[in-house]
Amino acid sequence: MLKKLPLYAKPNHVFLFEDNGVKKIGAIWFVAKLDGFTQDELSMITDILYRYLELNYSDSFEVATNFCIAFDVTTINILSYAQLGNKRIKSPLIELVNEINQYI
């Protein structure tokens, strides 16, 4: 739930690993759309995936941002949450949720 709007994530693979004694979690979500997703759409998918992992697993695991991945199988574009965190790519998720909430 993000600002009272229910959002759902259904990653294809959620996996655990250990890095320097730290238990970490990652996930990959394969998505497809005719003609592929735009960069903004793929960034929102990655953002939702990260929030899903953080909400459900952060008590037991550190979310590995490099391994929180949306994979567009149509265009073979891949985006990790680490790329969003580095501010190289911006997710418009919050703006979209705010806009939707104006109408409900």
PDB file of N, CA and C in Angstrom:
ATOM      1  N   MET A   1       0.862  -1.164   0.000  1.00  0.00           N
ATOM      2  CA  MET A   1       0.000   0.000   0.000  1.00  0.00           C
ATOM      3  C   MET A   1       0.910   1.229   0.000  1.00  0.00           C
ATOM      4  N   LEU A   2       0.682   2.093  -0.936  1.00  0.00           N
ATOM      5  CA  LEU A   2       1.470   3.313  -1.040  1.00  0.00           C
ATOM      6  C   LEU A   2       0.507   4.483  -1.121  1.00  0.00           C
ATOM      7  N   LYS A   3       0.508   5.296  -0.077  1.00  0.00           N
ATOM      8  CA  LYS A   3      -0.410   6.437   0.005  1.00  0.00           C
ATOM      9  C   LYS A   3      -1.853   5.999  -0.236  1.00  0.00           C
ATOM     10  N   LYS A   4      -2.247   4.931   0.443  1.00  0.00           N
ATOM     11  CA  LYS A   4      -3.600   4.359   0.412  1.00  0.00           C
ATOM     12  C   LYS A   4      -3.962   3.704  -0.919  1.00  0.00           C
ATOM     13  N   LEU A   5      -3.004   3.546  -1.813  1.00  0.00           N
ATOM     14  CA  LEU A   5      -3.252   2.884  -3.089  1.00  0.00           C
ATOM     15  C   LEU A   5      -2.592   1.506  -3.051  1.00  0.00           C
ATOM     16  N   PRO A   6      -3.378   0.434  -3.207  1.00  0.00           N
ATOM     17  CA  PRO A   6      -2.775  -0.900  -3.169  1.00  0.00           C
ATOM     18  C   PRO A   6      -1.941  -1.162  -4.423  1.00  0.00           C
ATOM     19  N   LEU A   7      -0.710  -1.560  -4.213  1.00  0.00           N
ATOM     20  CA  LEU A   7       0.189  -1.916  -5.306  1.00  0.00           C
ATOM     21  C   LEU A   7       0.634  -3.354  -5.092  1.00  0.00           C
ATOM     22  N   TYR A   8       0.741  -4.104  -6.156  1.00  0.00           N
ATOM     23  CA  TYR A   8       1.067  -5.520  -6.046  1.00  0.00           C
ATOM     24  C   TYR A   8       2.326  -5.836  -6.836  1.00  0.00           C
ATOM     25  N   ALA A   9       3.147  -6.690  -6.269  1.00  0.00           N
ATOM     26  CA  ALA A   9       4.351  -7.169  -6.942  1.00  0.00           C
ATOM     27  C   ALA A   9       4.302  -8.688  -6.967  1.00  0.00           C
ATOM     28  N   LYS A  10       4.622  -9.253  -8.107  1.00  0.00           N
ATOM     29  CA  LYS A  10       4.686 -10.709  -8.237  1.00  0.00           C
ATOM     30  C   LYS A  10       6.000 -11.082  -8.911  1.00  0.00           C
ATOM     31  N   PRO A  11       7.101 -10.963  -8.170  1.00  0.00           N
ATOM     32  CA  PRO A  11       8.387 -11.296  -8.785  1.00  0.00           C
ATOM     33  C   PRO A  11       8.437 -12.768  -9.177  1.00  0.00           C
ATOM     34  N   ASN A  12       9.176 -13.046 -10.245  1.00  0.00           N
ATOM     35  CA  ASN A  12       9.306 -14.422 -10.707  1.00  0.00           C
ATOM     36  C   ASN A  12      10.239 -15.235  -9.827  1.00  0.00           C
ATOM     37  N   HIS A  13      11.292 -14.603  -9.358  1.00  0.00           N
ATOM     38  CA  HIS A  13      12.255 -15.306  -8.508  1.00  0.00           C
ATOM     39  C   HIS A  13      12.682 -14.398  -7.361  1.00  0.00           C
ATOM     40  N   VAL A  14      12.568 -14.905  -6.162  1.00  0.00           N
ATOM     41  CA  VAL A  14      13.093 -14.234  -4.972  1.00  0.00           C
ATOM     42  C   VAL A  14      14.180 -15.152  -4.444  1.00  0.00           C
ATOM     43  N   PHE A  15      15.343 -14.595  -4.169  1.00  0.00           N
ATOM     44  CA  PHE A  15      16.463 -15.438  -3.758  1.00  0.00           C
ATOM     45  C   PHE A  15      17.216 -14.811  -2.595  1.00  0.00           C
ATOM     46  N   LEU A  16      17.841 -15.672  -1.820  1.00  0.00           N
ATOM     47  CA  LEU A  16      18.625 -15.270  -0.652  1.00  0.00           C
ATOM     48  C   LEU A  16      20.082 -15.606  -0.898  1.00  0.00           C
ATOM     49  N   PHE A  17      20.959 -14.786  -0.341  1.00  0.00           N
ATOM     50  CA  PHE A  17      22.379 -15.092  -0.401  1.00  0.00           C
ATOM     51  C   PHE A  17      23.069 -14.371   0.752  1.00  0.00           C
ATOM     52  N   GLU A  18      24.310 -14.727   0.975  1.00  0.00           N
ATOM     53  CA  GLU A  18      25.079 -14.109   2.044  1.00  0.00           C
ATOM     54  C   GLU A  18      26.291 -13.425   1.438  1.00  0.00           C
ATOM     55  N   ASP A  19      26.555 -12.208   1.885  1.00  0.00           N
ATOM     56  CA  ASP A  19      27.687 -11.434   1.389  1.00  0.00           C
ATOM     57  C   ASP A  19      28.436 -10.863   2.586  1.00  0.00           C
ATOM     58  N   ASN A  20      29.653 -11.342   2.803  1.00  0.00           N
ATOM     59  CA  ASN A  20      30.467 -10.912   3.952  1.00  0.00           C
ATOM     60  C   ASN A  20      29.723 -11.061   5.270  1.00  0.00           C
ATOM     61  N   GLY A  21      29.016 -12.175   5.424  1.00  0.00           N
ATOM     62  CA  GLY A  21      28.305 -12.462   6.662  1.00  0.00           C
ATOM     63  C   GLY A  21      26.955 -11.783   6.797  1.00  0.00           C
ATOM     64  N   VAL A  22      26.546 -11.020   5.787  1.00  0.00           N
ATOM     65  CA  VAL A  22      25.259 -10.316   5.819  1.00  0.00           C
ATOM     66  C   VAL A  22      24.254 -11.083   4.964  1.00  0.00           C
ATOM     67  N   LYS A  23      23.110 -11.431   5.566  1.00  0.00           N
ATOM     68  CA  LYS A  23      22.050 -12.113   4.822  1.00  0.00           C
ATOM     69  C   LYS A  23      21.330 -11.100   3.949  1.00  0.00           C
ATOM     70  N   LYS A  24      21.274 -11.391   2.656  1.00  0.00           N
ATOM     71  CA  LYS A  24      20.662 -10.461   1.710  1.00  0.00           C
ATOM     72  C   LYS A  24      19.577 -11.160   0.907  1.00  0.00           C
ATOM     73  N   ILE A  25      18.688 -10.333   0.342  1.00  0.00           N
ATOM     74  CA  ILE A  25      17.609 -10.839  -0.491  1.00  0.00           C
ATOM     75  C   ILE A  25      17.573 -10.028  -1.783  1.00  0.00           C
ATOM     76  N   GLY A  26      17.256 -10.721  -2.853  1.00  0.00           N
ATOM     77  CA  GLY A  26      17.101 -10.073  -4.147  1.00  0.00           C
ATOM     78  C   GLY A  26      15.933 -10.705  -4.874  1.00  0.00           C
ATOM     79  N   ALA A  27      15.555 -10.112  -5.991  1.00  0.00           N
ATOM     80  CA  ALA A  27      14.444 -10.650  -6.777  1.00  0.00           C
ATOM     81  C   ALA A  27      14.585 -10.191  -8.217  1.00  0.00           C
ATOM     82  N   ILE A  28      13.995 -10.979  -9.100  1.00  0.00           N
ATOM     83  CA  ILE A  28      13.921 -10.598 -10.500  1.00  0.00           C
ATOM     84  C   ILE A  28      12.480 -10.754 -10.954  1.00  0.00           C
ATOM     85  N   TRP A  29      12.027  -9.783 -11.708  1.00  0.00           N
ATOM     86  CA  TRP A  29      10.654  -9.764 -12.198  1.00  0.00           C
ATOM     87  C   TRP A  29      10.715  -9.631 -13.715  1.00  0.00           C
ATOM     88  N   PHE A  30      10.352 -10.702 -14.404  1.00  0.00           N
ATOM     89  CA  PHE A  30      10.302 -10.692 -15.859  1.00  0.00           C
ATOM     90  C   PHE A  30       8.966 -10.095 -16.288  1.00  0.00           C
ATOM     91  N   VAL A  31       9.016  -9.049 -17.103  1.00  0.00           N
ATOM     92  CA  VAL A  31       7.796  -8.373 -17.544  1.00  0.00           C
ATOM     93  C   VAL A  31       7.799  -8.285 -19.069  1.00  0.00           C
ATOM     94  N   ALA A  32       6.604  -8.238 -19.639  1.00  0.00           N
ATOM     95  CA  ALA A  32       6.491  -8.143 -21.095  1.00  0.00           C
ATOM     96  C   ALA A  32       5.325  -7.246 -21.467  1.00  0.00           C
ATOM     97  N   LYS A  33       5.519  -6.512 -22.538  1.00  0.00           N
ATOM     98  CA  LYS A  33       4.485  -5.633 -23.082  1.00  0.00           C
ATOM     99  C   LYS A  33       4.800  -5.468 -24.565  1.00  0.00           C
ATOM    100  N   LEU A  34       3.777  -5.506 -25.390  1.00  0.00           N
ATOM    101  CA  LEU A  34       3.970  -5.308 -26.814  1.00  0.00           C
ATOM    102  C   LEU A  34       4.762  -4.021 -27.039  1.00  0.00           C
ATOM    103  N   ASP A  35       5.813  -4.083 -27.790  1.00  0.00           N
ATOM    104  CA  ASP A  35       6.726  -2.958 -28.064  1.00  0.00           C
ATOM    105  C   ASP A  35       7.566  -2.553 -26.853  1.00  0.00           C
ATOM    106  N   GLY A  36       7.475  -3.281 -25.756  1.00  0.00           N
ATOM    107  CA  GLY A  36       8.327  -3.035 -24.596  1.00  0.00           C
ATOM    108  C   GLY A  36       7.884  -1.891 -23.708  1.00  0.00           C
ATOM    109  N   PHE A  37       8.488  -1.834 -22.540  1.00  0.00           N
ATOM    110  CA  PHE A  37       8.203  -0.790 -21.557  1.00  0.00           C
ATOM    111  C   PHE A  37       9.111   0.410 -21.795  1.00  0.00           C
ATOM    112  N   THR A  38       8.605   1.594 -21.479  1.00  0.00           N
ATOM    113  CA  THR A  38       9.454   2.785 -21.507  1.00  0.00           C
ATOM    114  C   THR A  38      10.366   2.747 -20.286  1.00  0.00           C
ATOM    115  N   GLN A  39      11.370   3.605 -20.292  1.00  0.00           N
ATOM    116  CA  GLN A  39      12.287   3.688 -19.145  1.00  0.00           C
ATOM    117  C   GLN A  39      11.521   4.041 -17.872  1.00  0.00           C
ATOM    118  N   ASP A  40      10.569   4.977 -17.968  1.00  0.00           N
ATOM    119  CA  ASP A  40       9.769   5.361 -16.799  1.00  0.00           C
ATOM    120  C   ASP A  40       8.948   4.190 -16.277  1.00  0.00           C
ATOM    121  N   GLU A  41       8.326   3.435 -17.181  1.00  0.00           N
ATOM    122  CA  GLU A  41       7.514   2.291 -16.756  1.00  0.00           C
ATOM    123  C   GLU A  41       8.376   1.233 -16.083  1.00  0.00           C
ATOM    124  N   LEU A  42       9.522   0.940 -16.665  1.00  0.00           N
ATOM    125  CA  LEU A  42      10.415  -0.064 -16.084  1.00  0.00           C
ATOM    126  C   LEU A  42      10.953   0.408 -14.732  1.00  0.00           C
ATOM    127  N   SER A  43      11.194   1.699 -14.592  1.00  0.00           N
ATOM    128  CA  SER A  43      11.671   2.212 -13.302  1.00  0.00           C
ATOM    129  C   SER A  43      10.588   2.092 -12.232  1.00  0.00           C
ATOM    130  N   MET A  44       9.322   2.271 -12.609  1.00  0.00           N
ATOM    131  CA  MET A  44       8.234   2.101 -11.633  1.00  0.00           C
ATOM    132  C   MET A  44       8.118   0.640 -11.203  1.00  0.00           C
ATOM    133  N   ILE A  45       8.288  -0.280 -12.137  1.00  0.00           N
ATOM    134  CA  ILE A  45       8.236  -1.710 -11.808  1.00  0.00           C
ATOM    135  C   ILE A  45       9.358  -2.052 -10.833  1.00  0.00           C
ATOM    136  N   THR A  46      10.545  -1.549 -11.099  1.00  0.00           N
ATOM    137  CA  THR A  46      11.684  -1.793 -10.211  1.00  0.00           C
ATOM    138  C   THR A  46      11.438  -1.187  -8.833  1.00  0.00           C
ATOM    139  N   ASP A  47      10.882   0.002  -8.804  1.00  0.00           N
ATOM    140  CA  ASP A  47      10.571   0.693  -7.546  1.00  0.00           C
ATOM    141  C   ASP A  47       9.559  -0.113  -6.724  1.00  0.00           C
ATOM    142  N   ILE A  48       8.510  -0.598  -7.374  1.00  0.00           N
ATOM    143  CA  ILE A  48       7.499  -1.416  -6.686  1.00  0.00           C
ATOM    144  C   ILE A  48       8.124  -2.702  -6.159  1.00  0.00           C
ATOM    145  N   LEU A  49       8.987  -3.331  -6.948  1.00  0.00           N
ATOM    146  CA  LEU A  49       9.653  -4.564  -6.524  1.00  0.00           C
ATOM    147  C   LEU A  49      10.507  -4.317  -5.281  1.00  0.00           C
ATOM    148  N   TYR A  50      11.266  -3.235  -5.276  1.00  0.00           N
ATOM    149  CA  TYR A  50      12.089  -2.908  -4.110  1.00  0.00           C
ATOM    150  C   TYR A  50      11.219  -2.683  -2.872  1.00  0.00           C
ATOM    151  N   ARG A  51      10.144  -1.926  -3.029  1.00  0.00           N
ATOM    152  CA  ARG A  51       9.253  -1.649  -1.901  1.00  0.00           C
ATOM    153  C   ARG A  51       8.630  -2.937  -1.367  1.00  0.00           C
ATOM    154  N   TYR A  52       8.303  -3.867  -2.251  1.00  0.00           N
ATOM    155  CA  TYR A  52       7.762  -5.173  -1.860  1.00  0.00           C
ATOM    156  C   TYR A  52       8.771  -5.929  -0.993  1.00  0.00           C
ATOM    157  N   LEU A  53      10.007  -5.991  -1.448  1.00  0.00           N
ATOM    158  CA  LEU A  53      11.039  -6.694  -0.679  1.00  0.00           C
ATOM    159  C   LEU A  53      11.293  -6.002   0.655  1.00  0.00           C
ATOM    160  N   GLU A  54      11.375  -4.694   0.635  1.00  0.00           N
ATOM    161  CA  GLU A  54      11.627  -3.925   1.860  1.00  0.00           C
ATOM    162  C   GLU A  54      10.503  -4.136   2.876  1.00  0.00           C
ATOM    163  N   LEU A  55       9.272  -4.089   2.422  1.00  0.00           N
ATOM    164  CA  LEU A  55       8.117  -4.237   3.311  1.00  0.00           C
ATOM    165  C   LEU A  55       8.020  -5.642   3.903  1.00  0.00           C
ATOM    166  N   ASN A  56       8.274  -6.646   3.089  1.00  0.00           N
ATOM    167  CA  ASN A  56       8.041  -8.023   3.513  1.00  0.00           C
ATOM    168  C   ASN A  56       9.251  -8.749   4.089  1.00  0.00           C
ATOM    169  N   TYR A  57      10.460  -8.302   3.795  1.00  0.00           N
ATOM    170  CA  TYR A  57      11.628  -9.085   4.183  1.00  0.00           C
ATOM    171  C   TYR A  57      12.725  -8.315   4.912  1.00  0.00           C
ATOM    172  N   SER A  58      12.607  -7.001   5.057  1.00  0.00           N
ATOM    173  CA  SER A  58      13.725  -6.226   5.601  1.00  0.00           C
ATOM    174  C   SER A  58      14.001  -6.489   7.080  1.00  0.00           C
ATOM    175  N   ASP A  59      13.053  -7.099   7.791  1.00  0.00           N
ATOM    176  CA  ASP A  59      13.320  -7.448   9.193  1.00  0.00           C
ATOM    177  C   ASP A  59      14.368  -8.550   9.302  1.00  0.00           C
ATOM    178  N   SER A  60      14.437  -9.408   8.288  1.00  0.00           N
ATOM    179  CA  SER A  60      15.347 -10.550   8.339  1.00  0.00           C
ATOM    180  C   SER A  60      16.523 -10.450   7.375  1.00  0.00           C
ATOM    181  N   PHE A  61      16.370  -9.630   6.334  1.00  0.00           N
ATOM    182  CA  PHE A  61      17.391  -9.563   5.296  1.00  0.00           C
ATOM    183  C   PHE A  61      17.617  -8.121   4.852  1.00  0.00           C
ATOM    184  N   GLU A  62      18.814  -7.870   4.382  1.00  0.00           N
ATOM    185  CA  GLU A  62      19.102  -6.592   3.739  1.00  0.00           C
ATOM    186  C   GLU A  62      18.717  -6.729   2.265  1.00  0.00           C
ATOM    187  N   VAL A  63      17.962  -5.776   1.752  1.00  0.00           N
ATOM    188  CA  VAL A  63      17.569  -5.825   0.343  1.00  0.00           C
ATOM    189  C   VAL A  63      18.776  -5.414  -0.500  1.00  0.00           C
ATOM    190  N   ALA A  64      19.194  -6.306  -1.382  1.00  0.00           N
ATOM    191  CA  ALA A  64      20.341  -6.054  -2.255  1.00  0.00           C
ATOM    192  C   ALA A  64      19.866  -5.272  -3.475  1.00  0.00           C
ATOM    193  N   THR A  65      20.129  -3.978  -3.483  1.00  0.00           N
ATOM    194  CA  THR A  65      19.601  -3.124  -4.550  1.00  0.00           C
ATOM    195  C   THR A  65      20.140  -3.495  -5.930  1.00  0.00           C
ATOM    196  N   ASN A  66      21.355  -4.033  -5.993  1.00  0.00           N
ATOM    197  CA  ASN A  66      21.905  -4.480  -7.281  1.00  0.00           C
ATOM    198  C   ASN A  66      21.174  -5.702  -7.817  1.00  0.00           C
ATOM    199  N   PHE A  67      20.514  -6.432  -6.926  1.00  0.00           N
ATOM    200  CA  PHE A  67      19.816  -7.658  -7.318  1.00  0.00           C
ATOM    201  C   PHE A  67      18.308  -7.531  -7.147  1.00  0.00           C
ATOM    202  N   CYS A  68      17.814  -6.336  -7.234  1.00  0.00           N
ATOM    203  CA  CYS A  68      16.378  -6.046  -7.270  1.00  0.00           C
ATOM    204  C   CYS A  68      16.118  -5.566  -8.700  1.00  0.00           C
ATOM    205  N   ILE A  69      15.727  -6.508  -9.572  1.00  0.00           N
ATOM    206  CA  ILE A  69      15.813  -6.294 -11.014  1.00  0.00           C
ATOM    207  C   ILE A  69      14.481  -6.485 -11.717  1.00  0.00           C
ATOM    208  N   ALA A  70      14.171  -5.547 -12.612  1.00  0.00           N
ATOM    209  CA  ALA A  70      13.060  -5.703 -13.555  1.00  0.00           C
ATOM    210  C   ALA A  70      13.685  -5.984 -14.920  1.00  0.00           C
ATOM    211  N   PHE A  71      13.189  -7.011 -15.593  1.00  0.00           N
ATOM    212  CA  PHE A  71      13.742  -7.454 -16.873  1.00  0.00           C
ATOM    213  C   PHE A  71      12.626  -7.440 -17.909  1.00  0.00           C
ATOM    214  N   ASP A  72      12.722  -6.531 -18.872  1.00  0.00           N
ATOM    215  CA  ASP A  72      11.747  -6.443 -19.958  1.00  0.00           C
ATOM    216  C   ASP A  72      12.148  -7.464 -21.018  1.00  0.00           C
ATOM    217  N   VAL A  73      11.404  -8.553 -21.101  1.00  0.00           N
ATOM    218  CA  VAL A  73      11.772  -9.639 -22.012  1.00  0.00           C
ATOM    219  C   VAL A  73      11.515  -9.288 -23.475  1.00  0.00           C
ATOM    220  N   THR A  74      10.724  -8.268 -23.737  1.00  0.00           N
ATOM    221  CA  THR A  74      10.444  -7.869 -25.111  1.00  0.00           C
ATOM    222  C   THR A  74      11.624  -7.117 -25.717  1.00  0.00           C
ATOM    223  N   THR A  75      12.185  -6.190 -24.948  1.00  0.00           N
ATOM    224  CA  THR A  75      13.285  -5.358 -25.455  1.00  0.00           C
ATOM    225  C   THR A  75      14.644  -5.752 -24.878  1.00  0.00           C
ATOM    226  N   ILE A  76      14.653  -6.681 -23.945  1.00  0.00           N
ATOM    227  CA  ILE A  76      15.855  -7.119 -23.226  1.00  0.00           C
ATOM    228  C   ILE A  76      16.475  -5.964 -22.428  1.00  0.00           C
ATOM    229  N   ASN A  77      15.664  -5.017 -22.006  1.00  0.00           N
ATOM    230  CA  ASN A  77      16.135  -3.954 -21.114  1.00  0.00           C
ATOM    231  C   ASN A  77      16.067  -4.449 -19.679  1.00  0.00           C
ATOM    232  N   ILE A  78      17.104  -4.146 -18.930  1.00  0.00           N
ATOM    233  CA  ILE A  78      17.214  -4.581 -17.537  1.00  0.00           C
ATOM    234  C   ILE A  78      17.477  -3.350 -16.677  1.00  0.00           C
ATOM    235  N   LEU A  79      16.775  -3.273 -15.549  1.00  0.00           N
ATOM    236  CA  LEU A  79      16.957  -2.137 -14.647  1.00  0.00           C
ATOM    237  C   LEU A  79      16.985  -2.646 -13.214  1.00  0.00           C
ATOM    238  N   SER A  80      18.010  -2.250 -12.466  1.00  0.00           N
ATOM    239  CA  SER A  80      18.094  -2.613 -11.049  1.00  0.00           C
ATOM    240  C   SER A  80      17.730  -1.402 -10.197  1.00  0.00           C
ATOM    241  N   TYR A  81      17.328  -1.678  -8.965  1.00  0.00           N
ATOM    242  CA  TYR A  81      16.993  -0.584  -8.056  1.00  0.00           C
ATOM    243  C   TYR A  81      18.226   0.255  -7.738  1.00  0.00           C
ATOM    244  N   ALA A  82      19.401  -0.339  -7.798  1.00  0.00           N
ATOM    245  CA  ALA A  82      20.632   0.416  -7.546  1.00  0.00           C
ATOM    246  C   ALA A  82      20.769   1.564  -8.540  1.00  0.00           C
ATOM    247  N   GLN A  83      20.319   1.362  -9.773  1.00  0.00           N
ATOM    248  CA  GLN A  83      20.382   2.430 -10.766  1.00  0.00           C
ATOM    249  C   GLN A  83      19.452   3.586 -10.388  1.00  0.00           C
ATOM    250  N   LEU A  84      18.331   3.274  -9.749  1.00  0.00           N
ATOM    251  CA  LEU A  84      17.432   4.330  -9.266  1.00  0.00           C
ATOM    252  C   LEU A  84      18.048   5.029  -8.062  1.00  0.00           C
ATOM    253  N   GLY A  85      18.658   4.240  -7.189  1.00  0.00           N
ATOM    254  CA  GLY A  85      19.270   4.792  -5.981  1.00  0.00           C
ATOM    255  C   GLY A  85      20.437   5.711  -6.281  1.00  0.00           C
ATOM    256  N   ASN A  86      21.117   5.454  -7.391  1.00  0.00           N
ATOM    257  CA  ASN A  86      22.230   6.314  -7.797  1.00  0.00           C
ATOM    258  C   ASN A  86      21.747   7.589  -8.475  1.00  0.00           C
ATOM    259  N   LYS A  87      20.425   7.733  -8.596  1.00  0.00           N
ATOM    260  CA  LYS A  87      19.788   8.908  -9.206  1.00  0.00           C
ATOM    261  C   LYS A  87      20.109   9.035 -10.696  1.00  0.00           C
ATOM    262  N   ARG A  88      20.683   7.975 -11.292  1.00  0.00           N
ATOM    263  CA  ARG A  88      20.907   8.010 -12.737  1.00  0.00           C
ATOM    264  C   ARG A  88      19.579   7.953 -13.472  1.00  0.00           C
ATOM    265  N   ILE A  89      18.624   7.271 -12.852  1.00  0.00           N
ATOM    266  CA  ILE A  89      17.288   7.126 -13.425  1.00  0.00           C
ATOM    267  C   ILE A  89      16.298   7.450 -12.314  1.00  0.00           C
ATOM    268  N   LYS A  90      15.261   8.205 -12.633  1.00  0.00           N
ATOM    269  CA  LYS A  90      14.270   8.602 -11.627  1.00  0.00           C
ATOM    270  C   LYS A  90      12.978   7.829 -11.857  1.00  0.00           C
ATOM    271  N   SER A  91      12.398   7.327 -10.779  1.00  0.00           N
ATOM    272  CA  SER A  91      11.113   6.636 -10.859  1.00  0.00           C
ATOM    273  C   SER A  91       9.983   7.633 -10.655  1.00  0.00           C
ATOM    274  N   PRO A  92       9.017   7.667 -11.572  1.00  0.00           N
ATOM    275  CA  PRO A  92       7.865   8.557 -11.409  1.00  0.00           C
ATOM    276  C   PRO A  92       6.736   7.935 -10.586  1.00  0.00           C
ATOM    277  N   LEU A  93       7.025   6.869  -9.836  1.00  0.00           N
ATOM    278  CA  LEU A  93       5.988   6.139  -9.109  1.00  0.00           C
ATOM    279  C   LEU A  93       5.202   7.038  -8.157  1.00  0.00           C
ATOM    280  N   ILE A  94       5.877   7.796  -7.318  1.00  0.00           N
ATOM    281  CA  ILE A  94       5.188   8.636  -6.330  1.00  0.00           C
ATOM    282  C   ILE A  94       4.308   9.673  -7.028  1.00  0.00           C
ATOM    283  N   GLU A  95       4.821  10.283  -8.086  1.00  0.00           N
ATOM    284  CA  GLU A  95       4.029  11.266  -8.836  1.00  0.00           C
ATOM    285  C   GLU A  95       2.765  10.624  -9.403  1.00  0.00           C
ATOM    286  N   LEU A  96       2.897   9.422  -9.947  1.00  0.00           N
ATOM    287  CA  LEU A  96       1.748   8.717 -10.522  1.00  0.00           C
ATOM    288  C   LEU A  96       0.721   8.369  -9.448  1.00  0.00           C
ATOM    289  N   VAL A  97       1.183   7.879  -8.308  1.00  0.00           N
ATOM    290  CA  VAL A  97       0.275   7.530  -7.210  1.00  0.00           C
ATOM    291  C   VAL A  97      -0.459   8.781  -6.721  1.00  0.00           C
ATOM    292  N   ASN A  98       0.252   9.895  -6.591  1.00  0.00           N
ATOM    293  CA  ASN A  98      -0.394  11.151  -6.180  1.00  0.00           C
ATOM    294  C   ASN A  98      -1.468  11.566  -7.180  1.00  0.00           C
ATOM    295  N   GLU A  99      -1.169  11.419  -8.453  1.00  0.00           N
ATOM    296  CA  GLU A  99      -2.138  11.780  -9.495  1.00  0.00           C
ATOM    297  C   GLU A  99      -3.368  10.872  -9.447  1.00  0.00           C
ATOM    298  N   ILE A 100      -3.168   9.584  -9.280  1.00  0.00           N
ATOM    299  CA  ILE A 100      -4.288   8.633  -9.194  1.00  0.00           C
ATOM    300  C   ILE A 100      -5.150   8.946  -7.978  1.00  0.00           C
ATOM    301  N   ASN A 101      -4.502   9.249  -6.855  1.00  0.00           N
ATOM    302  CA  ASN A 101      -5.246   9.538  -5.619  1.00  0.00           C
ATOM    303  C   ASN A 101      -6.140  10.766  -5.738  1.00  0.00           C
ATOM    304  N   GLN A 102      -5.841  11.661  -6.649  1.00  0.00           N
ATOM    305  CA  GLN A 102      -6.699  12.829  -6.858  1.00  0.00           C
ATOM    306  C   GLN A 102      -8.071  12.424  -7.407  1.00  0.00           C
ATOM    307  N   TYR A 103      -8.132  11.273  -8.066  1.00  0.00           N
ATOM    308  CA  TYR A 103      -9.364  10.839  -8.718  1.00  0.00           C
ATOM    309  C   TYR A 103     -10.143   9.786  -7.936  1.00  0.00           C
ATOM    310  N   ILE A 104      -9.579   9.333  -6.820  1.00  0.00           N
ATOM    311  CA  ILE A 104     -10.307   8.313  -6.044  1.00  0.00           C
ATOM    312  C   ILE A 104     -10.653   8.820  -4.660  1.00  0.00           C
TER     313      ILE A 104
END
